[in-house]
């Protein structure tokens, strides 16, 4: 995994589909180097066509390309890895199938960080930090303090996720949280480049 502070969750929905590729390329051009395709409401053939389009765009930027849930597409399309949730295929099995790929894992409590799982994953997405409409089924909101309590317990790369915007990112930064996964704020922005730069400037200013 590359050293990153902002991880893009490119959530493909009927709402984002029209300008999806255009916005994704703007964000890649502006500096996103690690992103996930999340496509929950599409069949495999449609997802395949989107992966091909995305790979074609990403060939100019060489960002690490992760897919949510659909681990079987990783080998088929030579993707960089997969992100798994608690209701997805177990990471222990996916690690056996994909020994050299990035595996991410969604965490909402310490119960999600069993040792047998930690040894099989490369990073965790911890949240939700704030209220979000991206997921239909929302786990209990952790807030900055809840996220900090979890990441302090384990030495593993992490990303705070869930409802993060330029209006509340400072609340996370104040807790020493400086790795973020963002979806709606970037993919639904009228000007994704401006939105991304606003966040990057806040992070850079805080860390100086």
N, C-alpha and C. Protein backbone atom coordinates (compact mmCIF):
# COMPACT_ATOMS: atom_id res chain seq x y z
N UNK A 1 0.83 -1.21 0.00
CA UNK A 1 0.00 0.00 0.00
C UNK A 1 0.86 1.25 0.00
N UNK A 2 0.41 2.22 -0.74
CA UNK A 2 1.13 3.49 -0.80
C UNK A 2 0.82 4.31 0.46
N UNK A 3 1.70 5.25 0.77
CA UNK A 3 1.49 6.13 1.92
C UNK A 3 0.42 7.15 1.57
N UNK A 4 -0.75 7.02 2.17
CA UNK A 4 -1.87 7.87 1.78
C UNK A 4 -2.62 8.39 2.99
N UNK A 5 -3.24 9.54 2.82
CA UNK A 5 -4.08 10.10 3.88
C UNK A 5 -5.55 10.11 3.47
N UNK A 6 -5.83 10.11 2.15
CA UNK A 6 -7.21 10.12 1.67
C UNK A 6 -7.44 8.93 0.74
N UNK A 7 -8.39 8.13 1.11
CA UNK A 7 -8.77 6.91 0.39
C UNK A 7 -10.16 7.15 -0.19
N UNK A 8 -10.28 7.05 -1.48
CA UNK A 8 -11.56 7.32 -2.15
C UNK A 8 -12.40 6.05 -2.23
N UNK A 9 -13.63 6.12 -1.71
CA UNK A 9 -14.60 5.06 -1.92
C UNK A 9 -15.50 5.53 -3.06
N UNK A 10 -15.24 5.02 -4.24
CA UNK A 10 -16.01 5.43 -5.42
C UNK A 10 -17.28 4.59 -5.48
N UNK A 11 -18.33 5.14 -4.91
CA UNK A 11 -19.59 4.42 -4.75
C UNK A 11 -20.43 4.57 -6.02
N UNK A 12 -20.56 3.49 -6.76
CA UNK A 12 -21.32 3.50 -8.01
C UNK A 12 -22.79 3.23 -7.71
N UNK A 13 -23.63 4.21 -7.96
CA UNK A 13 -25.06 4.08 -7.76
C UNK A 13 -25.78 4.71 -8.95
N UNK A 14 -27.08 4.54 -9.02
CA UNK A 14 -27.84 5.17 -10.09
C UNK A 14 -27.69 6.69 -10.03
N UNK A 15 -27.49 7.20 -8.81
CA UNK A 15 -27.35 8.65 -8.64
C UNK A 15 -26.00 9.16 -9.13
N UNK A 16 -24.95 8.37 -8.94
CA UNK A 16 -23.59 8.82 -9.30
C UNK A 16 -23.15 8.35 -10.69
N UNK A 17 -23.92 7.43 -11.29
CA UNK A 17 -23.48 6.76 -12.52
C UNK A 17 -23.18 7.72 -13.67
N UNK A 18 -24.00 8.75 -13.85
CA UNK A 18 -23.89 9.61 -15.02
C UNK A 18 -22.53 10.27 -15.16
N UNK A 19 -22.01 10.80 -14.06
CA UNK A 19 -20.72 11.51 -14.11
C UNK A 19 -19.62 10.73 -13.38
N UNK A 20 -19.85 9.45 -13.16
CA UNK A 20 -18.93 8.65 -12.34
C UNK A 20 -17.51 8.66 -12.88
N UNK A 21 -17.33 8.31 -14.13
CA UNK A 21 -15.99 8.21 -14.69
C UNK A 21 -15.31 9.57 -14.78
N UNK A 22 -16.08 10.58 -15.12
CA UNK A 22 -15.54 11.94 -15.20
C UNK A 22 -15.03 12.40 -13.84
N UNK A 23 -15.82 12.19 -12.79
CA UNK A 23 -15.41 12.63 -11.46
C UNK A 23 -14.25 11.79 -10.95
N UNK A 24 -14.29 10.50 -11.23
CA UNK A 24 -13.18 9.64 -10.80
C UNK A 24 -11.87 10.11 -11.41
N UNK A 25 -11.90 10.43 -12.70
CA UNK A 25 -10.65 10.86 -13.34
C UNK A 25 -10.17 12.20 -12.77
N UNK A 26 -11.08 13.10 -12.49
CA UNK A 26 -10.69 14.37 -11.87
C UNK A 26 -9.99 14.11 -10.55
N UNK A 27 -10.53 13.21 -9.75
CA UNK A 27 -9.95 12.92 -8.43
C UNK A 27 -8.60 12.22 -8.55
N UNK A 28 -8.47 11.33 -9.52
CA UNK A 28 -7.17 10.69 -9.76
C UNK A 28 -6.14 11.73 -10.21
N UNK A 29 -6.54 12.60 -11.09
CA UNK A 29 -5.66 13.67 -11.59
C UNK A 29 -5.24 14.60 -10.45
N UNK A 30 -6.16 14.83 -9.50
CA UNK A 30 -5.89 15.76 -8.40
C UNK A 30 -5.06 15.12 -7.29
N UNK A 31 -4.83 13.83 -7.36
CA UNK A 31 -3.90 13.23 -6.40
C UNK A 31 -4.35 11.99 -5.66
N UNK A 32 -5.56 11.50 -5.90
CA UNK A 32 -5.97 10.25 -5.27
C UNK A 32 -5.12 9.11 -5.82
N UNK A 33 -4.49 8.35 -4.92
CA UNK A 33 -3.66 7.24 -5.39
C UNK A 33 -4.07 5.89 -4.81
N UNK A 34 -5.24 5.87 -4.16
CA UNK A 34 -5.76 4.63 -3.59
C UNK A 34 -7.27 4.75 -3.57
N UNK A 35 -7.96 3.86 -4.29
CA UNK A 35 -9.41 3.99 -4.34
C UNK A 35 -10.08 2.63 -4.41
N UNK A 36 -11.34 2.64 -4.02
CA UNK A 36 -12.15 1.43 -4.00
C UNK A 36 -13.39 1.63 -4.86
N UNK A 37 -13.72 0.64 -5.67
CA UNK A 37 -15.00 0.63 -6.37
C UNK A 37 -16.00 -0.10 -5.50
N UNK A 38 -17.08 0.61 -5.16
CA UNK A 38 -18.17 0.01 -4.39
C UNK A 38 -19.41 0.03 -5.28
N UNK A 39 -19.89 -1.17 -5.64
CA UNK A 39 -21.02 -1.28 -6.58
C UNK A 39 -21.98 -2.35 -6.08
N UNK A 40 -22.86 -1.96 -5.18
CA UNK A 40 -23.71 -2.94 -4.49
C UNK A 40 -24.94 -3.36 -5.28
N UNK A 41 -25.42 -2.52 -6.16
CA UNK A 41 -26.71 -2.79 -6.81
C UNK A 41 -26.58 -3.15 -8.28
N UNK A 42 -25.50 -3.83 -8.64
CA UNK A 42 -25.26 -4.19 -10.03
C UNK A 42 -24.91 -5.67 -10.13
N UNK A 43 -25.25 -6.29 -11.27
CA UNK A 43 -24.89 -7.69 -11.45
C UNK A 43 -23.44 -7.79 -11.93
N UNK A 44 -22.93 -9.01 -11.94
CA UNK A 44 -21.50 -9.22 -12.24
C UNK A 44 -21.09 -8.72 -13.62
N UNK A 45 -21.93 -8.94 -14.61
CA UNK A 45 -21.57 -8.51 -15.97
C UNK A 45 -21.45 -6.99 -16.07
N UNK A 46 -22.35 -6.28 -15.42
CA UNK A 46 -22.28 -4.82 -15.43
C UNK A 46 -21.05 -4.34 -14.66
N UNK A 47 -20.76 -4.97 -13.54
CA UNK A 47 -19.57 -4.60 -12.77
C UNK A 47 -18.31 -4.83 -13.59
N UNK A 48 -18.28 -5.92 -14.32
CA UNK A 48 -17.13 -6.20 -15.19
C UNK A 48 -16.91 -5.06 -16.18
N UNK A 49 -17.99 -4.58 -16.79
CA UNK A 49 -17.85 -3.51 -17.77
C UNK A 49 -17.34 -2.23 -17.12
N UNK A 50 -17.77 -1.95 -15.90
CA UNK A 50 -17.29 -0.77 -15.19
C UNK A 50 -15.83 -0.92 -14.79
N UNK A 51 -15.43 -2.10 -14.37
CA UNK A 51 -14.03 -2.33 -14.01
C UNK A 51 -13.14 -2.06 -15.22
N UNK A 52 -13.54 -2.53 -16.37
CA UNK A 52 -12.74 -2.31 -17.58
C UNK A 52 -12.60 -0.83 -17.90
N UNK A 53 -13.70 -0.09 -17.76
CA UNK A 53 -13.65 1.35 -18.01
C UNK A 53 -12.74 2.05 -17.01
N UNK A 54 -12.87 1.66 -15.76
CA UNK A 54 -12.06 2.29 -14.71
C UNK A 54 -10.58 1.97 -14.91
N UNK A 55 -10.27 0.72 -15.24
CA UNK A 55 -8.87 0.35 -15.47
C UNK A 55 -8.28 1.15 -16.62
N UNK A 56 -9.06 1.38 -17.64
CA UNK A 56 -8.59 2.16 -18.78
C UNK A 56 -8.21 3.58 -18.36
N UNK A 57 -9.05 4.19 -17.53
CA UNK A 57 -8.75 5.54 -17.03
C UNK A 57 -7.54 5.50 -16.10
N UNK A 58 -7.53 4.52 -15.20
CA UNK A 58 -6.47 4.45 -14.20
C UNK A 58 -5.11 4.11 -14.79
N UNK A 59 -5.08 3.60 -16.00
CA UNK A 59 -3.80 3.29 -16.64
C UNK A 59 -2.93 4.54 -16.79
N UNK A 60 -3.56 5.72 -16.78
CA UNK A 60 -2.81 6.98 -16.88
C UNK A 60 -2.27 7.45 -15.53
N UNK A 61 -2.82 6.88 -14.43
CA UNK A 61 -2.48 7.40 -13.10
C UNK A 61 -1.85 6.35 -12.18
N UNK A 62 -2.10 5.08 -12.45
CA UNK A 62 -1.49 3.99 -11.70
C UNK A 62 -1.80 4.05 -10.20
N UNK A 63 -3.02 4.46 -9.88
CA UNK A 63 -3.44 4.41 -8.48
C UNK A 63 -3.77 2.97 -8.11
N UNK A 64 -3.67 2.64 -6.83
CA UNK A 64 -4.04 1.30 -6.39
C UNK A 64 -5.57 1.17 -6.41
N UNK A 65 -6.04 0.12 -7.04
CA UNK A 65 -7.47 -0.06 -7.32
C UNK A 65 -7.97 -1.27 -6.54
N UNK A 66 -8.84 -0.99 -5.56
CA UNK A 66 -9.43 -2.01 -4.70
C UNK A 66 -10.91 -2.16 -5.09
N UNK A 67 -11.45 -3.35 -4.93
CA UNK A 67 -12.89 -3.53 -5.15
C UNK A 67 -13.54 -3.97 -3.84
N UNK A 68 -14.73 -3.48 -3.62
CA UNK A 68 -15.47 -3.85 -2.41
C UNK A 68 -16.17 -5.19 -2.61
N UNK A 69 -15.95 -6.10 -1.69
CA UNK A 69 -16.71 -7.35 -1.61
C UNK A 69 -16.34 -8.39 -2.67
N UNK A 70 -16.31 -8.02 -3.95
CA UNK A 70 -16.21 -8.99 -5.04
C UNK A 70 -14.76 -9.48 -5.23
N UNK A 71 -14.32 -10.30 -4.29
CA UNK A 71 -12.93 -10.77 -4.28
C UNK A 71 -12.57 -11.54 -5.54
N UNK A 72 -13.56 -12.18 -6.18
CA UNK A 72 -13.27 -13.01 -7.35
C UNK A 72 -12.92 -12.20 -8.58
N UNK A 73 -13.14 -10.88 -8.55
CA UNK A 73 -12.73 -10.04 -9.67
C UNK A 73 -11.26 -9.62 -9.57
N UNK A 74 -10.66 -9.81 -8.41
CA UNK A 74 -9.29 -9.32 -8.21
C UNK A 74 -8.31 -10.01 -9.14
N UNK A 75 -8.35 -11.32 -9.20
CA UNK A 75 -7.47 -12.06 -10.11
C UNK A 75 -7.89 -11.86 -11.57
N UNK A 76 -9.17 -11.87 -11.82
CA UNK A 76 -9.67 -11.77 -13.19
C UNK A 76 -9.19 -10.49 -13.87
N UNK A 77 -9.15 -9.40 -13.09
CA UNK A 77 -8.78 -8.10 -13.68
C UNK A 77 -7.44 -7.56 -13.15
N UNK A 78 -6.72 -8.39 -12.42
CA UNK A 78 -5.42 -7.97 -11.86
C UNK A 78 -5.55 -6.69 -11.05
N UNK A 79 -6.56 -6.65 -10.18
CA UNK A 79 -6.74 -5.52 -9.29
C UNK A 79 -5.77 -5.63 -8.12
N UNK A 80 -5.66 -4.54 -7.36
CA UNK A 80 -4.69 -4.53 -6.27
C UNK A 80 -5.20 -5.17 -4.99
N UNK A 81 -6.52 -5.33 -4.87
CA UNK A 81 -7.02 -5.96 -3.66
C UNK A 81 -8.52 -5.84 -3.51
N UNK A 82 -9.00 -6.18 -2.32
CA UNK A 82 -10.43 -6.21 -2.04
C UNK A 82 -10.68 -5.68 -0.64
N UNK A 83 -11.83 -5.05 -0.46
CA UNK A 83 -12.26 -4.64 0.88
C UNK A 83 -13.45 -5.50 1.29
N UNK A 84 -13.40 -6.05 2.51
CA UNK A 84 -14.41 -6.97 2.99
C UNK A 84 -15.13 -6.39 4.21
N UNK A 85 -16.42 -6.66 4.28
CA UNK A 85 -17.21 -6.30 5.45
C UNK A 85 -17.53 -7.53 6.26
N UNK A 86 -18.16 -7.33 7.38
CA UNK A 86 -18.44 -8.45 8.29
C UNK A 86 -19.42 -9.46 7.71
N UNK A 87 -20.18 -9.06 6.70
CA UNK A 87 -21.13 -9.99 6.07
C UNK A 87 -20.60 -10.54 4.75
N UNK A 88 -19.35 -10.23 4.43
CA UNK A 88 -18.74 -10.72 3.19
C UNK A 88 -17.98 -12.01 3.45
N UNK A 89 -17.26 -12.47 2.44
CA UNK A 89 -16.44 -13.68 2.55
C UNK A 89 -15.39 -13.47 3.63
N UNK A 90 -15.11 -14.45 4.49
CA UNK A 90 -14.14 -14.27 5.58
C UNK A 90 -12.74 -13.94 5.05
N UNK A 91 -12.06 -12.97 5.68
CA UNK A 91 -10.72 -12.60 5.22
C UNK A 91 -9.70 -13.73 5.32
N UNK A 92 -9.90 -14.66 6.24
CA UNK A 92 -8.97 -15.78 6.36
C UNK A 92 -8.97 -16.62 5.07
N UNK A 93 -10.16 -16.80 4.50
CA UNK A 93 -10.27 -17.59 3.27
C UNK A 93 -9.78 -16.78 2.07
N UNK A 94 -10.16 -15.49 2.04
CA UNK A 94 -9.74 -14.64 0.93
C UNK A 94 -8.22 -14.50 0.89
N UNK A 95 -7.58 -14.44 2.05
CA UNK A 95 -6.11 -14.35 2.09
C UNK A 95 -5.48 -15.59 1.48
N UNK A 96 -6.08 -16.74 1.71
CA UNK A 96 -5.58 -17.98 1.11
C UNK A 96 -5.69 -17.93 -0.42
N UNK A 97 -6.80 -17.36 -0.90
CA UNK A 97 -7.03 -17.26 -2.35
C UNK A 97 -6.18 -16.17 -2.98
N UNK A 98 -5.98 -15.06 -2.23
CA UNK A 98 -5.24 -13.90 -2.74
C UNK A 98 -4.06 -13.61 -1.82
N UNK A 99 -3.04 -14.45 -1.83
CA UNK A 99 -1.95 -14.31 -0.86
C UNK A 99 -1.12 -13.04 -0.99
N UNK A 100 -1.12 -12.44 -2.18
CA UNK A 100 -0.24 -11.29 -2.41
C UNK A 100 -1.01 -10.00 -2.67
N UNK A 101 -2.28 -9.98 -2.33
CA UNK A 101 -3.10 -8.80 -2.60
C UNK A 101 -3.46 -8.05 -1.31
N UNK A 102 -3.87 -6.80 -1.47
CA UNK A 102 -4.31 -5.98 -0.34
C UNK A 102 -5.71 -6.43 0.09
N UNK A 103 -5.88 -6.62 1.39
CA UNK A 103 -7.20 -6.95 1.94
C UNK A 103 -7.54 -5.95 3.04
N UNK A 104 -8.66 -5.25 2.86
CA UNK A 104 -9.14 -4.33 3.87
C UNK A 104 -10.32 -4.93 4.61
N UNK A 105 -10.59 -4.42 5.82
CA UNK A 105 -11.62 -5.01 6.67
C UNK A 105 -12.37 -3.90 7.40
N UNK A 106 -13.70 -4.00 7.41
CA UNK A 106 -14.52 -3.00 8.07
C UNK A 106 -14.63 -3.29 9.56
N UNK A 107 -14.41 -2.24 10.37
CA UNK A 107 -14.41 -2.40 11.82
C UNK A 107 -15.35 -1.39 12.45
N UNK A 108 -16.20 -1.89 13.37
CA UNK A 108 -17.09 -1.02 14.13
C UNK A 108 -16.89 -1.15 15.63
N UNK A 109 -16.19 -2.21 16.04
CA UNK A 109 -15.91 -2.41 17.46
C UNK A 109 -14.67 -3.29 17.60
N UNK A 110 -14.17 -3.42 18.81
CA UNK A 110 -13.00 -4.26 19.04
C UNK A 110 -13.29 -5.73 18.74
N UNK A 111 -14.55 -6.12 18.78
CA UNK A 111 -14.91 -7.50 18.47
C UNK A 111 -14.61 -7.86 17.02
N UNK A 112 -14.47 -6.84 16.18
CA UNK A 112 -14.17 -7.07 14.77
C UNK A 112 -12.68 -7.25 14.51
N UNK A 113 -11.88 -7.17 15.57
CA UNK A 113 -10.41 -7.22 15.39
C UNK A 113 -9.80 -8.43 16.09
N UNK A 114 -10.34 -9.58 15.80
CA UNK A 114 -9.78 -10.82 16.35
C UNK A 114 -8.40 -11.07 15.75
N UNK A 115 -7.53 -11.69 16.52
CA UNK A 115 -6.14 -11.90 16.09
C UNK A 115 -6.05 -12.69 14.79
N UNK A 116 -6.93 -13.67 14.61
CA UNK A 116 -6.87 -14.48 13.39
C UNK A 116 -7.24 -13.67 12.16
N UNK A 117 -8.00 -12.59 12.34
CA UNK A 117 -8.32 -11.70 11.24
C UNK A 117 -7.19 -10.70 11.00
N UNK A 118 -6.66 -10.14 12.08
CA UNK A 118 -5.59 -9.14 11.96
C UNK A 118 -4.41 -9.65 11.16
N UNK A 119 -4.11 -10.92 11.30
CA UNK A 119 -2.95 -11.48 10.61
C UNK A 119 -3.19 -11.67 9.12
N UNK A 120 -4.44 -11.48 8.68
CA UNK A 120 -4.78 -11.72 7.27
C UNK A 120 -5.10 -10.45 6.49
N UNK A 121 -5.13 -9.31 7.16
CA UNK A 121 -5.55 -8.08 6.50
C UNK A 121 -4.42 -7.05 6.47
N UNK A 122 -4.57 -6.05 5.59
CA UNK A 122 -3.55 -5.01 5.44
C UNK A 122 -3.95 -3.68 6.04
N UNK A 123 -5.25 -3.43 6.14
CA UNK A 123 -5.72 -2.18 6.73
C UNK A 123 -7.15 -2.36 7.22
N UNK A 124 -7.60 -1.42 8.05
CA UNK A 124 -8.99 -1.44 8.50
C UNK A 124 -9.66 -0.11 8.16
N UNK A 125 -10.96 -0.19 7.87
CA UNK A 125 -11.78 1.00 7.74
C UNK A 125 -12.63 1.08 9.01
N UNK A 126 -12.45 2.12 9.80
CA UNK A 126 -13.09 2.22 11.11
C UNK A 126 -14.20 3.26 11.09
N UNK A 127 -15.39 2.86 11.44
CA UNK A 127 -16.48 3.82 11.44
C UNK A 127 -17.82 3.16 11.68
N UNK A 128 -18.89 3.90 11.43
CA UNK A 128 -18.89 5.25 10.86
C UNK A 128 -18.50 6.34 11.86
N UNK A 129 -17.76 7.32 11.33
CA UNK A 129 -17.34 8.45 12.16
C UNK A 129 -18.52 9.36 12.47
N UNK A 130 -19.34 9.58 11.45
CA UNK A 130 -20.50 10.46 11.58
C UNK A 130 -21.67 9.82 10.82
N UNK A 131 -22.81 10.42 10.89
CA UNK A 131 -23.98 9.91 10.17
C UNK A 131 -23.72 9.97 8.67
N UNK A 132 -24.10 8.91 7.96
CA UNK A 132 -23.88 8.85 6.52
C UNK A 132 -25.04 8.17 5.84
N UNK A 133 -25.29 8.56 4.59
CA UNK A 133 -26.35 7.94 3.80
C UNK A 133 -25.80 6.97 2.77
N UNK A 134 -24.46 6.79 2.75
CA UNK A 134 -23.86 5.94 1.72
C UNK A 134 -24.27 4.49 1.89
N UNK A 135 -24.33 4.02 3.14
CA UNK A 135 -24.73 2.64 3.40
C UNK A 135 -26.18 2.57 3.84
N UNK A 136 -26.89 1.57 3.31
CA UNK A 136 -28.30 1.40 3.67
C UNK A 136 -28.43 0.91 5.11
N UNK A 137 -27.51 0.01 5.52
CA UNK A 137 -27.53 -0.51 6.89
C UNK A 137 -26.34 0.08 7.63
N UNK A 138 -26.63 0.92 8.59
CA UNK A 138 -25.58 1.67 9.27
C UNK A 138 -25.27 1.09 10.64
N UNK A 139 -23.99 0.83 10.89
CA UNK A 139 -23.57 0.38 12.21
C UNK A 139 -23.61 1.55 13.18
N UNK A 140 -23.54 1.26 14.48
CA UNK A 140 -23.53 2.36 15.47
C UNK A 140 -22.44 3.38 15.17
N UNK A 141 -22.80 4.65 15.25
CA UNK A 141 -21.84 5.72 14.98
C UNK A 141 -20.81 5.77 16.11
N UNK A 142 -19.53 5.77 15.73
CA UNK A 142 -18.44 5.75 16.71
C UNK A 142 -18.03 7.14 17.16
N UNK A 143 -18.05 8.10 16.23
CA UNK A 143 -17.52 9.42 16.55
C UNK A 143 -16.01 9.38 16.66
N UNK A 144 -15.37 10.54 16.73
CA UNK A 144 -13.90 10.59 16.80
C UNK A 144 -13.33 9.82 17.98
N UNK A 145 -13.95 9.93 19.15
CA UNK A 145 -13.41 9.26 20.33
C UNK A 145 -13.48 7.74 20.19
N UNK A 146 -14.59 7.23 19.66
CA UNK A 146 -14.72 5.80 19.47
C UNK A 146 -13.72 5.24 18.48
N UNK A 147 -13.48 5.99 17.40
CA UNK A 147 -12.48 5.56 16.41
C UNK A 147 -11.09 5.57 17.04
N UNK A 148 -10.77 6.62 17.76
CA UNK A 148 -9.45 6.72 18.41
C UNK A 148 -9.23 5.56 19.37
N UNK A 149 -10.24 5.20 20.13
CA UNK A 149 -10.11 4.09 21.09
C UNK A 149 -9.78 2.78 20.39
N UNK A 150 -10.36 2.57 19.21
CA UNK A 150 -10.10 1.33 18.47
C UNK A 150 -8.71 1.32 17.86
N UNK A 151 -8.34 2.40 17.19
CA UNK A 151 -7.04 2.40 16.49
C UNK A 151 -5.88 2.42 17.48
N UNK A 152 -6.12 2.87 18.69
CA UNK A 152 -5.05 2.85 19.70
C UNK A 152 -4.75 1.44 20.18
N UNK A 153 -5.67 0.52 19.96
CA UNK A 153 -5.51 -0.84 20.47
C UNK A 153 -4.69 -1.74 19.54
N UNK A 154 -4.57 -1.35 18.28
CA UNK A 154 -3.90 -2.22 17.32
C UNK A 154 -2.97 -1.41 16.42
N UNK A 155 -1.81 -1.96 16.13
CA UNK A 155 -0.85 -1.31 15.24
C UNK A 155 -1.09 -1.81 13.82
N UNK A 156 -2.04 -1.17 13.13
CA UNK A 156 -2.37 -1.55 11.77
C UNK A 156 -2.83 -0.30 11.02
N UNK A 157 -2.50 -0.17 9.74
CA UNK A 157 -2.99 0.99 8.98
C UNK A 157 -4.51 1.08 9.05
N UNK A 158 -5.02 2.30 9.12
CA UNK A 158 -6.45 2.49 9.30
C UNK A 158 -6.93 3.68 8.46
N UNK A 159 -8.25 3.70 8.26
CA UNK A 159 -8.92 4.86 7.67
C UNK A 159 -10.22 5.08 8.42
N UNK A 160 -10.41 6.28 8.93
CA UNK A 160 -11.71 6.64 9.49
C UNK A 160 -12.67 6.82 8.32
N UNK A 161 -13.90 6.34 8.49
CA UNK A 161 -14.85 6.37 7.38
C UNK A 161 -16.25 6.70 7.90
N UNK A 162 -17.03 7.34 7.04
CA UNK A 162 -18.43 7.56 7.35
C UNK A 162 -18.80 9.01 7.59
N UNK A 163 -19.37 9.64 6.58
CA UNK A 163 -19.91 10.99 6.74
C UNK A 163 -18.89 12.09 6.91
N UNK A 164 -17.65 11.86 6.49
CA UNK A 164 -16.59 12.85 6.68
C UNK A 164 -16.66 13.91 5.58
N UNK A 165 -16.61 15.18 5.98
CA UNK A 165 -16.65 16.31 5.05
C UNK A 165 -15.66 17.37 5.52
N UNK A 166 -15.57 18.46 4.74
CA UNK A 166 -14.71 19.57 5.15
C UNK A 166 -15.25 20.26 6.41
N UNK A 167 -16.51 20.01 6.74
CA UNK A 167 -17.12 20.66 7.90
C UNK A 167 -16.81 19.95 9.21
N UNK A 168 -16.46 18.65 9.14
CA UNK A 168 -16.23 17.92 10.39
C UNK A 168 -14.89 17.20 10.48
N UNK A 169 -14.08 17.28 9.43
CA UNK A 169 -12.80 16.57 9.46
C UNK A 169 -11.89 17.06 10.57
N UNK A 170 -12.03 18.32 10.96
CA UNK A 170 -11.20 18.87 12.04
C UNK A 170 -11.45 18.16 13.36
N UNK A 171 -12.68 17.65 13.55
CA UNK A 171 -13.00 16.92 14.79
C UNK A 171 -12.17 15.65 14.89
N UNK A 172 -11.92 15.01 13.75
CA UNK A 172 -11.08 13.82 13.73
C UNK A 172 -9.61 14.19 13.88
N UNK A 173 -9.19 15.22 13.18
CA UNK A 173 -7.80 15.67 13.28
C UNK A 173 -7.44 16.03 14.71
N UNK A 174 -8.37 16.62 15.43
CA UNK A 174 -8.12 17.00 16.82
C UNK A 174 -7.87 15.80 17.72
N UNK A 175 -8.31 14.62 17.29
CA UNK A 175 -8.06 13.39 18.04
C UNK A 175 -6.83 12.64 17.52
N UNK A 176 -6.09 13.28 16.62
CA UNK A 176 -4.90 12.63 16.08
C UNK A 176 -5.19 11.63 14.98
N UNK A 177 -6.40 11.65 14.46
CA UNK A 177 -6.80 10.76 13.37
C UNK A 177 -6.50 11.46 12.05
N UNK A 178 -5.65 10.85 11.21
CA UNK A 178 -5.21 11.56 10.00
C UNK A 178 -5.23 10.71 8.73
N UNK A 179 -6.00 9.64 8.75
CA UNK A 179 -6.20 8.84 7.54
C UNK A 179 -7.70 8.68 7.34
N UNK A 180 -8.18 9.01 6.16
CA UNK A 180 -9.62 9.14 5.95
C UNK A 180 -10.07 8.45 4.66
N UNK A 181 -11.23 7.81 4.74
CA UNK A 181 -11.89 7.25 3.55
C UNK A 181 -13.14 8.07 3.30
N UNK A 182 -13.29 8.56 2.07
CA UNK A 182 -14.40 9.44 1.74
C UNK A 182 -15.13 8.95 0.50
N UNK A 183 -16.45 9.10 0.52
CA UNK A 183 -17.25 8.68 -0.61
C UNK A 183 -18.12 9.81 -1.13
N UNK A 184 -19.29 10.00 -0.55
CA UNK A 184 -20.26 10.97 -1.06
C UNK A 184 -19.68 12.38 -1.18
N UNK A 185 -18.90 12.78 -0.20
CA UNK A 185 -18.36 14.15 -0.20
C UNK A 185 -17.59 14.43 -1.48
N UNK A 186 -16.89 13.44 -2.00
CA UNK A 186 -16.11 13.63 -3.21
C UNK A 186 -16.88 13.25 -4.47
N UNK A 187 -17.56 12.11 -4.46
CA UNK A 187 -18.21 11.62 -5.68
C UNK A 187 -19.47 12.39 -6.04
N UNK A 188 -20.08 13.05 -5.05
CA UNK A 188 -21.29 13.82 -5.34
C UNK A 188 -21.02 15.32 -5.39
N UNK A 189 -19.76 15.71 -5.24
CA UNK A 189 -19.41 17.13 -5.29
C UNK A 189 -19.55 17.66 -6.71
N UNK A 190 -20.06 18.88 -6.84
CA UNK A 190 -20.14 19.50 -8.17
C UNK A 190 -18.75 19.74 -8.73
N UNK A 191 -17.80 20.05 -7.84
CA UNK A 191 -16.42 20.27 -8.24
C UNK A 191 -15.53 19.38 -7.38
N UNK A 192 -15.30 18.11 -7.79
CA UNK A 192 -14.53 17.18 -6.98
C UNK A 192 -13.11 17.65 -6.69
N UNK A 193 -12.50 18.33 -7.66
CA UNK A 193 -11.13 18.81 -7.45
C UNK A 193 -11.08 19.83 -6.32
N UNK A 194 -12.02 20.76 -6.32
CA UNK A 194 -12.09 21.77 -5.26
C UNK A 194 -12.35 21.11 -3.91
N UNK A 195 -13.26 20.13 -3.87
CA UNK A 195 -13.59 19.45 -2.63
C UNK A 195 -12.38 18.70 -2.08
N UNK A 196 -11.66 18.00 -2.95
CA UNK A 196 -10.48 17.24 -2.51
C UNK A 196 -9.39 18.18 -2.02
N UNK A 197 -9.13 19.25 -2.76
CA UNK A 197 -8.08 20.18 -2.35
C UNK A 197 -8.41 20.87 -1.03
N UNK A 198 -9.69 21.12 -0.79
CA UNK A 198 -10.11 21.72 0.48
C UNK A 198 -9.75 20.80 1.64
N UNK A 199 -10.01 19.52 1.47
CA UNK A 199 -9.67 18.55 2.52
C UNK A 199 -8.16 18.43 2.69
N UNK A 200 -7.44 18.32 1.57
CA UNK A 200 -5.99 18.17 1.64
C UNK A 200 -5.34 19.37 2.33
N UNK A 201 -5.85 20.56 2.05
CA UNK A 201 -5.30 21.76 2.68
C UNK A 201 -5.55 21.76 4.18
N UNK A 202 -6.72 21.30 4.59
CA UNK A 202 -7.00 21.22 6.03
C UNK A 202 -6.08 20.23 6.72
N UNK A 203 -5.90 19.08 6.09
CA UNK A 203 -5.01 18.07 6.67
C UNK A 203 -3.58 18.57 6.75
N UNK A 204 -3.10 19.13 5.64
CA UNK A 204 -1.72 19.63 5.60
C UNK A 204 -1.51 20.74 6.62
N UNK A 205 -2.47 21.66 6.74
CA UNK A 205 -2.34 22.76 7.70
C UNK A 205 -2.31 22.25 9.12
N UNK A 206 -3.12 21.24 9.41
CA UNK A 206 -3.17 20.70 10.77
C UNK A 206 -1.88 19.97 11.13
N UNK A 207 -1.28 19.29 10.15
CA UNK A 207 -0.12 18.46 10.44
C UNK A 207 1.19 19.22 10.40
N UNK A 208 1.15 20.49 10.03
CA UNK A 208 2.38 21.30 9.99
C UNK A 208 2.90 21.55 11.40
